[in-house]
Amino acid sequence: MTQPAQPDEYDVTIERKALKELAAIEPRTQRGAIVAAIMALGLDPRPSGCTKLSDTPGFRIRIGSYRVVYLIDDGIRVVTVTKVGTRGSVYKK
């Protein structure tokens, strides 16, 4: 899934695995908040509260008890979401 970007925005891409993880989240209200946070990454890929991961490349944002792990490519202005889930599941290798 890709969201087209304006000239000063980033494209937001969600990997297939992350889409499946997102679809499994209940209740829908929580899923909606996570999707909104993911789409907001197109406007600001490093929002307040984001954290650079130390053991793997990428960043994470927290939405309630869920985490969204993503990569940023500033050269081509793309944010790629790689994992969505609870704290215990997104940091497993």
Protein backbone atom coordinates (compact mmCIF):
# COMPACT_ATOMS: atom_id res chain seq x y z
CA MET A 1 0.00 0.00 0.00
CA THR A 2 1.45 3.36 -1.02
CA GLN A 3 0.20 6.85 -0.26
CA PRO A 4 1.12 9.39 -2.99
CA ALA A 5 3.13 12.31 -1.68
CA GLN A 6 3.10 16.05 -2.28
CA PRO A 7 6.47 17.62 -3.18
CA ASP A 8 7.37 18.28 0.47
CA GLU A 9 5.97 15.01 1.81
CA TYR A 10 7.27 11.44 2.01
CA ASP A 11 5.64 8.45 0.32
CA VAL A 12 4.40 5.97 2.93
CA THR A 13 4.72 2.29 2.02
CA ILE A 14 3.56 -0.61 4.20
CA GLU A 15 5.18 -4.00 3.63
CA ARG A 16 2.86 -6.98 3.07
CA LYS A 17 3.80 -8.57 6.41
CA ALA A 18 3.05 -5.32 8.26
CA LEU A 19 -0.34 -5.09 6.49
CA LYS A 20 -1.23 -8.55 7.76
CA GLU A 21 -0.13 -7.61 11.28
CA LEU A 22 -2.23 -4.44 11.07
CA ALA A 23 -5.30 -6.32 9.84
CA ALA A 24 -5.11 -8.66 12.85
CA ILE A 25 -5.36 -5.80 15.38
CA GLU A 26 -8.65 -5.53 17.24
CA PRO A 27 -10.62 -3.45 18.08
CA ARG A 28 -11.06 -1.46 14.90
CA THR A 29 -10.81 1.83 16.78
CA GLN A 30 -7.26 0.95 17.79
CA ARG A 31 -6.45 -0.05 14.20
CA GLY A 32 -7.80 3.30 12.97
CA ALA A 33 -5.52 5.22 15.33
CA ILE A 34 -2.53 3.21 14.14
CA VAL A 35 -3.36 3.80 10.46
CA ALA A 36 -3.73 7.54 11.14
CA ALA A 37 -0.32 7.61 12.84
CA ILE A 38 1.25 5.72 9.93
CA MET A 39 -0.21 8.11 7.35
CA ALA A 40 1.01 11.09 9.43
CA LEU A 41 4.57 9.80 8.91
CA GLY A 42 4.30 11.13 5.35
CA LEU A 43 4.15 14.67 6.72
CA ASP A 44 6.69 14.18 9.51
CA PRO A 45 8.74 10.96 9.43
CA ARG A 46 10.43 11.85 12.73
CA PRO A 47 7.51 13.00 14.92
CA SER A 48 7.82 13.92 18.55
CA GLY A 49 8.18 10.70 20.53
CA CYS A 50 9.73 8.61 17.76
CA THR A 51 12.78 6.60 18.75
CA LYS A 52 15.74 5.48 16.66
CA LEU A 53 16.26 1.75 17.15
CA SER A 54 19.63 0.80 18.57
CA ASP A 55 20.05 -2.84 17.53
CA THR A 56 18.50 -2.66 14.04
CA PRO A 57 18.15 0.11 11.46
CA GLY A 58 14.98 2.16 11.63
CA PHE A 59 12.67 4.05 13.93
CA ARG A 60 9.60 3.28 15.99
CA ILE A 61 6.53 5.16 17.13
CA ARG A 62 4.22 4.11 19.91
CA ILE A 63 0.43 4.19 19.65
CA GLY A 64 -1.02 2.98 22.94
CA SER A 65 0.32 -0.52 23.55
CA TYR A 66 1.28 -0.96 19.88
CA ARG A 67 4.53 -0.14 18.10
CA VAL A 68 5.11 0.74 14.45
CA VAL A 69 8.64 0.06 13.19
CA TYR A 70 9.70 1.80 9.99
CA LEU A 71 12.62 2.83 7.80
CA ILE A 72 13.20 6.29 6.35
CA ASP A 73 14.96 6.95 3.03
CA ASP A 74 15.54 10.70 2.88
CA GLY A 75 17.13 10.46 -0.58
CA ILE A 76 13.97 9.32 -2.31
CA ARG A 77 11.61 10.56 0.45
CA VAL A 78 10.03 7.21 1.35
CA VAL A 79 8.89 5.84 4.71
CA THR A 80 8.55 2.03 4.74
CA VAL A 81 6.60 0.42 7.58
CA THR A 82 8.12 -2.98 8.34
CA LYS A 83 6.35 -4.16 11.51
CA VAL A 84 3.20 -3.39 13.48
CA GLY A 85 2.35 -5.04 16.78
CA THR A 86 2.74 -5.12 20.51
CA ARG A 87 6.07 -4.46 22.16
CA GLY A 88 6.82 -8.15 22.62
CA SER A 89 6.19 -9.03 18.99
CA VAL A 90 7.83 -6.22 16.99
CA TYR A 91 11.27 -6.53 18.54
CA LYS A 92 11.61 -10.29 17.96
CA LYS A 93 13.96 -11.20 15.13
